[in-house]
N, C-alpha and C. Protein backbone atom coordinates (compact mmCIF):
# COMPACT_ATOMS: atom_id res chain seq x y z
N MET A 1 59.35 -16.42 -50.06
CA MET A 1 60.22 -17.13 -49.35
C MET A 1 61.18 -15.96 -49.21
N VAL A 2 61.61 -15.51 -48.41
CA VAL A 2 63.07 -14.58 -47.89
C VAL A 2 63.71 -14.64 -48.86
N LEU A 3 63.84 -15.80 -49.38
CA LEU A 3 65.33 -15.93 -50.17
C LEU A 3 64.59 -15.25 -51.92
N ASN A 4 64.06 -15.44 -52.22
CA ASN A 4 63.36 -14.67 -53.29
C ASN A 4 62.77 -13.19 -53.12
N SER A 5 62.35 -13.01 -51.97
CA SER A 5 62.23 -11.46 -51.74
C SER A 5 63.53 -10.81 -51.99
N MET A 6 64.43 -10.89 -51.15
CA MET A 6 65.93 -10.29 -51.18
C MET A 6 66.20 -10.37 -52.63
N ALA A 7 66.41 -10.90 -53.52
CA ALA A 7 66.41 -11.08 -54.88
C ALA A 7 65.60 -10.00 -55.56
N GLU A 8 64.56 -10.10 -55.22
CA GLU A 8 63.70 -9.27 -55.79
C GLU A 8 63.67 -7.36 -55.42
N HIS A 9 64.13 -7.27 -54.46
CA HIS A 9 64.81 -6.14 -53.78
C HIS A 9 66.30 -5.86 -54.07
N GLY A 10 67.29 -6.80 -55.18
CA GLY A 10 68.54 -6.25 -55.44
C GLY A 10 69.92 -6.93 -54.12
N ILE A 11 69.01 -7.76 -53.70
CA ILE A 11 70.08 -8.19 -52.65
C ILE A 11 70.18 -9.87 -52.86
N SER A 12 71.62 -9.93 -53.10
CA SER A 12 72.27 -11.34 -53.50
C SER A 12 72.36 -11.71 -52.16
N PRO A 13 72.15 -13.28 -51.68
CA PRO A 13 72.16 -13.52 -50.57
C PRO A 13 73.47 -14.63 -50.76
N THR A 14 73.81 -14.65 -49.22
CA THR A 14 75.09 -15.44 -49.01
C THR A 14 74.65 -16.38 -48.42
N MET A 15 75.83 -17.01 -48.32
CA MET A 15 75.92 -18.61 -47.87
C MET A 15 75.26 -18.39 -46.41
N VAL A 16 75.49 -17.20 -45.40
CA VAL A 16 74.89 -16.86 -44.17
C VAL A 16 73.13 -17.00 -44.40
N HIS A 17 72.86 -16.53 -45.27
CA HIS A 17 71.26 -16.02 -45.29
C HIS A 17 70.89 -17.84 -45.89
N TYR A 18 71.68 -18.47 -46.75
CA TYR A 18 70.97 -19.72 -47.06
C TYR A 18 71.02 -20.59 -45.73
N ALA A 19 71.93 -20.43 -44.89
CA ALA A 19 72.13 -21.29 -43.93
C ALA A 19 71.21 -21.19 -42.90
N CYS A 20 71.08 -19.83 -43.04
CA CYS A 20 70.33 -19.54 -41.68
C CYS A 20 68.33 -19.85 -41.96
N VAL A 21 68.27 -19.79 -43.65
CA VAL A 21 66.98 -20.17 -44.03
C VAL A 21 66.98 -21.85 -43.89
N VAL A 22 67.90 -22.40 -43.83
CA VAL A 22 68.20 -23.78 -44.17
C VAL A 22 67.76 -24.44 -42.59
N ASP A 23 68.19 -23.43 -41.60
CA ASP A 23 68.48 -24.00 -40.21
C ASP A 23 66.88 -23.70 -39.75
N LEU A 24 66.26 -22.71 -39.94
CA LEU A 24 65.17 -22.58 -39.92
C LEU A 24 63.89 -23.51 -40.25
N LEU A 25 64.19 -24.04 -41.64
CA LEU A 25 63.55 -25.04 -42.22
C LEU A 25 63.61 -26.14 -41.71
N GLY A 26 64.71 -26.86 -41.39
CA GLY A 26 64.81 -28.07 -40.67
C GLY A 26 64.54 -28.14 -38.74
N ARG A 27 64.76 -26.89 -38.35
CA ARG A 27 63.85 -26.68 -37.11
C ARG A 27 62.47 -27.17 -36.88
N THR A 28 61.71 -26.57 -38.00
CA THR A 28 60.66 -26.48 -37.93
C THR A 28 59.83 -27.74 -39.04
N GLY A 29 60.96 -28.70 -39.22
CA GLY A 29 60.58 -30.07 -39.84
C GLY A 29 60.56 -29.97 -41.43
N HIS A 30 60.64 -29.00 -41.97
CA HIS A 30 60.44 -28.97 -43.26
C HIS A 30 61.76 -29.27 -44.49
N LEU A 31 61.95 -30.71 -43.47
CA LEU A 31 63.52 -31.18 -44.31
C LEU A 31 63.49 -30.86 -45.45
N ASN A 32 62.81 -31.16 -46.84
CA ASN A 32 63.02 -31.44 -48.05
C ASN A 32 63.14 -30.10 -48.83
N GLU A 33 62.09 -29.41 -48.21
CA GLU A 33 62.49 -27.54 -48.39
C GLU A 33 63.90 -27.24 -48.23
N GLY A 34 64.38 -27.37 -47.05
CA GLY A 34 65.80 -26.69 -46.84
C GLY A 34 66.53 -28.03 -47.73
N TYR A 35 66.75 -28.88 -47.56
CA TYR A 35 67.36 -29.94 -48.96
C TYR A 35 67.07 -29.42 -50.62
N ASP A 36 66.18 -28.85 -50.95
CA ASP A 36 66.07 -28.39 -52.38
C ASP A 36 66.91 -27.26 -52.31
N ILE A 37 66.84 -26.05 -50.96
CA ILE A 37 67.60 -25.00 -51.28
C ILE A 37 69.27 -25.39 -51.49
N ILE A 38 69.87 -26.78 -50.36
CA ILE A 38 71.15 -26.93 -50.61
C ILE A 38 71.52 -27.12 -51.85
N LYS A 39 70.52 -28.07 -52.69
CA LYS A 39 70.85 -28.53 -54.22
C LYS A 39 70.69 -27.45 -55.19
N ASN A 40 70.16 -26.51 -54.72
CA ASN A 40 69.91 -25.47 -56.09
C ASN A 40 70.84 -24.00 -55.63
N LEU A 41 72.05 -24.57 -54.67
CA LEU A 41 72.74 -23.12 -54.32
C LEU A 41 73.58 -23.11 -55.31
N PRO A 42 73.72 -21.60 -55.59
CA PRO A 42 75.06 -21.57 -56.81
C PRO A 42 76.38 -21.71 -56.11
N CYS A 43 76.64 -22.24 -55.34
CA CYS A 43 77.93 -22.81 -54.87
C CYS A 43 77.85 -23.81 -54.41
N LYS A 44 78.77 -24.48 -53.93
CA LYS A 44 79.28 -25.47 -53.14
C LYS A 44 78.67 -25.40 -51.63
N PRO A 45 77.58 -26.44 -51.07
CA PRO A 45 77.09 -26.08 -49.96
C PRO A 45 78.20 -26.18 -48.44
N SER A 46 78.62 -25.38 -47.53
CA SER A 46 79.18 -25.33 -46.65
C SER A 46 79.13 -26.76 -45.92
N MET A 47 79.88 -27.02 -45.05
CA MET A 47 79.57 -28.03 -43.96
C MET A 47 78.95 -28.03 -42.93
N SER A 48 78.51 -26.47 -42.65
CA SER A 48 77.82 -25.88 -41.36
C SER A 48 76.55 -26.13 -41.77
N ILE A 49 76.21 -25.60 -43.29
CA ILE A 49 74.90 -25.73 -43.95
C ILE A 49 74.27 -26.97 -43.42
N LEU A 50 75.11 -28.12 -44.39
CA LEU A 50 74.92 -29.35 -44.34
C LEU A 50 74.65 -30.44 -42.72
N GLU A 51 75.67 -29.78 -41.67
CA GLU A 51 75.37 -30.27 -40.56
C GLU A 51 74.06 -29.82 -40.10
N SER A 52 73.94 -28.76 -39.94
CA SER A 52 72.52 -27.94 -39.51
C SER A 52 71.31 -28.94 -40.21
N LEU A 53 71.15 -29.14 -41.53
CA LEU A 53 69.98 -29.81 -42.09
C LEU A 53 70.13 -31.47 -41.45
N LEU A 54 71.49 -32.14 -41.19
CA LEU A 54 71.73 -33.22 -40.68
C LEU A 54 71.30 -33.38 -39.35
N GLY A 55 70.96 -32.49 -38.59
CA GLY A 55 70.98 -32.33 -37.04
C GLY A 55 69.31 -32.36 -37.11
N ALA A 56 68.73 -31.31 -37.76
CA ALA A 56 67.23 -31.60 -38.03
C ALA A 56 66.99 -33.11 -38.35
N CYS A 57 67.78 -33.64 -39.09
CA CYS A 57 66.83 -35.11 -39.85
C CYS A 57 67.29 -35.99 -38.51
N SER A 58 68.22 -35.92 -37.68
CA SER A 58 68.34 -36.54 -36.46
C SER A 58 66.85 -36.36 -35.57
N ALA A 59 66.67 -34.90 -35.42
CA ALA A 59 65.91 -34.75 -34.40
C ALA A 59 64.58 -35.02 -35.15
N HIS A 60 63.89 -35.01 -36.30
CA HIS A 60 62.81 -35.37 -37.01
C HIS A 60 62.88 -36.75 -37.46
N GLY A 61 63.94 -37.36 -37.50
CA GLY A 61 64.07 -39.16 -38.02
C GLY A 61 64.10 -39.55 -39.36
N ASN A 62 64.47 -38.46 -39.81
CA ASN A 62 64.22 -38.83 -41.30
C ASN A 62 65.81 -39.62 -41.81
N VAL A 63 65.76 -40.73 -42.22
CA VAL A 63 67.05 -41.39 -42.15
C VAL A 63 67.25 -41.34 -43.73
N GLU A 64 66.26 -41.45 -44.50
CA GLU A 64 66.60 -41.35 -45.94
C GLU A 64 67.31 -39.74 -46.37
N LEU A 65 67.23 -38.88 -45.76
CA LEU A 65 67.86 -37.76 -46.11
C LEU A 65 68.85 -37.45 -45.42
N ALA A 66 68.74 -38.01 -43.83
CA ALA A 66 70.20 -38.00 -43.36
C ALA A 66 71.34 -38.88 -44.10
N GLU A 67 70.88 -39.88 -44.88
CA GLU A 67 71.94 -40.78 -45.68
C GLU A 67 72.27 -39.97 -46.80
N LYS A 68 71.92 -38.50 -47.62
CA LYS A 68 71.88 -38.20 -48.71
C LYS A 68 72.77 -37.01 -48.02
N LEU A 69 72.66 -36.48 -47.07
CA LEU A 69 73.49 -35.23 -46.70
C LEU A 69 74.96 -35.82 -45.83
N CYS A 70 74.88 -37.31 -45.49
CA CYS A 70 76.11 -37.70 -45.07
C CYS A 70 77.16 -37.78 -46.25
N GLY A 71 76.47 -38.70 -47.00
CA GLY A 71 77.41 -38.65 -48.33
C GLY A 71 77.58 -37.42 -49.07
N MET A 72 77.00 -36.58 -49.05
CA MET A 72 77.50 -35.19 -49.19
C MET A 72 78.62 -34.55 -48.46
N MET A 73 78.80 -34.86 -47.19
CA MET A 73 79.56 -34.37 -46.54
C MET A 73 80.86 -35.37 -46.40
N ILE A 74 80.56 -36.43 -46.57
CA ILE A 74 81.56 -37.28 -46.96
C ILE A 74 82.83 -37.24 -48.09
N GLU A 75 81.67 -36.61 -48.97
CA GLU A 75 82.33 -36.10 -50.50
C GLU A 75 83.06 -34.77 -50.27
N THR A 76 82.80 -33.96 -49.53
CA THR A 76 83.36 -32.88 -49.56
C THR A 76 84.23 -32.77 -48.20
N ASP A 77 84.55 -33.67 -47.35
CA ASP A 77 85.58 -33.99 -46.61
C ASP A 77 85.41 -35.43 -45.85
N PRO A 78 86.22 -36.19 -46.71
CA PRO A 78 86.11 -37.39 -46.61
C PRO A 78 87.10 -37.87 -45.09
N GLU A 79 87.81 -36.92 -44.76
CA GLU A 79 88.42 -37.39 -44.11
C GLU A 79 88.02 -37.09 -41.93
N LYS A 80 86.91 -36.60 -42.24
CA LYS A 80 86.16 -35.94 -40.94
C LYS A 80 85.34 -37.08 -40.62
N ALA A 81 85.19 -37.48 -39.35
CA ALA A 81 84.53 -38.34 -38.55
C ALA A 81 83.27 -38.11 -38.41
N GLY A 82 83.02 -37.02 -38.23
CA GLY A 82 81.80 -36.34 -37.84
C GLY A 82 80.19 -36.96 -38.36
N PRO A 83 80.33 -36.90 -39.81
CA PRO A 83 78.90 -37.55 -40.59
C PRO A 83 78.92 -38.43 -40.59
N TYR A 84 80.37 -40.10 -40.41
CA TYR A 84 79.83 -41.00 -40.01
C TYR A 84 78.96 -41.13 -38.69
N VAL A 85 79.78 -40.84 -37.74
CA VAL A 85 78.85 -40.96 -36.14
C VAL A 85 77.76 -40.45 -36.43
N MET A 86 77.47 -39.06 -36.64
CA MET A 86 75.94 -38.95 -36.70
C MET A 86 75.31 -39.83 -37.67
N LEU A 87 75.26 -40.22 -38.78
CA LEU A 87 74.66 -41.13 -39.09
C LEU A 87 74.41 -42.68 -38.40
N SER A 88 75.70 -42.96 -38.02
CA SER A 88 75.51 -44.19 -37.14
C SER A 88 74.56 -43.91 -35.78
N ASN A 89 74.51 -42.54 -35.31
CA ASN A 89 73.45 -42.48 -34.38
C ASN A 89 71.94 -42.37 -34.93
N ILE A 90 72.01 -41.79 -36.14
CA ILE A 90 70.84 -41.64 -36.49
C ILE A 90 70.14 -43.32 -36.79
N TYR A 91 71.14 -43.87 -37.28
CA TYR A 91 70.35 -45.30 -37.38
C TYR A 91 70.38 -45.91 -36.31
N ASN A 92 70.81 -45.69 -34.89
CA ASN A 92 70.79 -46.43 -33.83
C ASN A 92 69.54 -45.97 -33.38
N ALA A 93 68.75 -44.61 -33.46
CA ALA A 93 67.85 -44.16 -32.79
C ALA A 93 66.52 -44.85 -33.66
N SER A 94 66.92 -45.18 -34.52
CA SER A 94 65.79 -45.62 -35.80
C SER A 94 65.85 -47.63 -35.59
N GLU A 95 66.58 -47.72 -34.70
CA GLU A 95 66.82 -49.21 -34.57
C GLU A 95 67.33 -50.10 -35.52
N ARG A 96 68.01 -49.15 -36.16
CA ARG A 96 68.90 -49.95 -37.49
C ARG A 96 70.15 -50.39 -37.12
N TRP A 97 70.23 -51.41 -36.48
CA TRP A 97 71.67 -51.74 -35.32
C TRP A 97 72.46 -52.34 -36.61
N ILE A 98 71.95 -53.08 -37.86
CA ILE A 98 73.10 -53.46 -38.69
C ILE A 98 73.75 -52.32 -39.33
N ASP A 99 72.87 -51.61 -39.66
CA ASP A 99 73.62 -49.67 -40.53
C ASP A 99 74.02 -49.56 -39.88
N ALA A 100 73.97 -49.19 -38.56
CA ALA A 100 74.80 -48.55 -37.41
C ALA A 100 76.23 -49.33 -37.53
N GLY A 101 75.99 -50.66 -37.15
CA GLY A 101 77.39 -51.05 -37.13
C GLY A 101 78.43 -51.07 -38.32
N ARG A 102 77.70 -51.30 -39.47
CA ARG A 102 78.50 -50.88 -40.88
C ARG A 102 78.87 -49.94 -40.98
N VAL A 103 78.35 -48.53 -40.59
CA VAL A 103 78.83 -47.25 -40.51
C VAL A 103 79.96 -47.11 -39.74
N ARG A 104 79.90 -47.62 -38.58
CA ARG A 104 80.73 -47.64 -37.31
C ARG A 104 82.05 -48.67 -37.96
N SER A 105 81.85 -49.86 -38.46
CA SER A 105 82.87 -50.35 -38.76
C SER A 105 83.79 -49.56 -40.04
N ASN A 106 83.10 -49.03 -41.01
CA ASN A 106 83.70 -48.11 -42.13
C ASN A 106 84.09 -47.34 -41.19
N LEU A 107 84.16 -46.23 -40.48
CA LEU A 107 84.90 -45.31 -39.74
C LEU A 107 86.16 -45.83 -39.12
N GLU A 108 85.90 -47.02 -38.51
CA GLU A 108 87.31 -48.00 -37.99
C GLU A 108 88.09 -48.14 -39.16
N GLY A 109 87.28 -48.81 -40.25
CA GLY A 109 88.57 -49.31 -41.24
C GLY A 109 89.01 -47.94 -42.40
N ARG A 110 88.67 -46.85 -41.82
CA ARG A 110 89.03 -45.68 -42.60
C ARG A 110 90.25 -44.83 -41.57
N GLU A 111 90.27 -45.35 -40.52
CA GLU A 111 90.93 -44.92 -39.27
C GLU A 111 90.72 -43.65 -39.04
N LEU A 112 89.44 -43.36 -38.74
CA LEU A 112 89.15 -42.04 -38.45
C LEU A 112 88.61 -41.65 -36.86
N ARG A 113 88.83 -40.82 -36.29
CA ARG A 113 88.42 -40.83 -35.36
C ARG A 113 87.77 -39.47 -34.80
N LYS A 114 86.55 -39.52 -34.02
CA LYS A 114 86.41 -38.37 -33.94
C LYS A 114 86.88 -38.00 -32.51
N ASP A 115 87.37 -36.47 -32.32
CA ASP A 115 87.93 -35.80 -31.46
C ASP A 115 86.72 -35.60 -30.38
N PRO A 116 86.62 -36.27 -28.71
CA PRO A 116 85.93 -35.94 -28.26
C PRO A 116 85.33 -34.93 -27.86
N GLY A 117 84.15 -34.26 -27.64
CA GLY A 117 83.81 -32.79 -27.23
C GLY A 117 84.50 -32.90 -25.92
N PHE A 118 84.35 -31.41 -25.18
CA PHE A 118 84.89 -30.82 -24.34
C PHE A 118 84.13 -29.56 -23.71
N SER A 119 84.02 -29.49 -22.69
CA SER A 119 83.50 -28.08 -22.32
C SER A 119 84.55 -27.73 -21.07
N ALA A 120 84.88 -26.33 -20.80
CA ALA A 120 85.17 -25.34 -19.67
C ALA A 120 84.23 -24.56 -18.92
N LEU A 121 84.50 -24.60 -17.90
CA LEU A 121 83.84 -23.73 -16.85
C LEU A 121 84.99 -23.17 -15.90
N LEU A 122 84.92 -21.83 -15.98
CA LEU A 122 85.79 -21.25 -15.46
C LEU A 122 84.94 -20.70 -14.02
N VAL A 123 85.42 -21.12 -12.82
CA VAL A 123 84.76 -20.62 -11.69
C VAL A 123 85.54 -20.18 -10.73
N ASP A 124 85.21 -18.71 -10.48
CA ASP A 124 85.76 -17.57 -9.17
C ASP A 124 85.77 -18.20 -8.04
């Protein structure tokens, strides 16, 4: 693996290196391998690395791992609405309507709001 090769050559991987490998593994469907890297990080995982693998869970329909990642994200930043929204969407895609409703109710009960996304386009 790339990370082992780096260590063999005296290069200490940074969080960016870990994030790139986890993203690559997630995009190719190797979700458990990506999760193993996250679990074995020498430091606390960044939100972006967790979000990357969570997005891959959504794309590949891995609800069980998505639940674990959302738990980690909520533990890291309990005031962030994104993990709740993503998990609710993953449940909806898996037709787990009751679970999706439970997550949305939890989100509303905590009075968290997801800021809507927006795009800007400059026209000459």
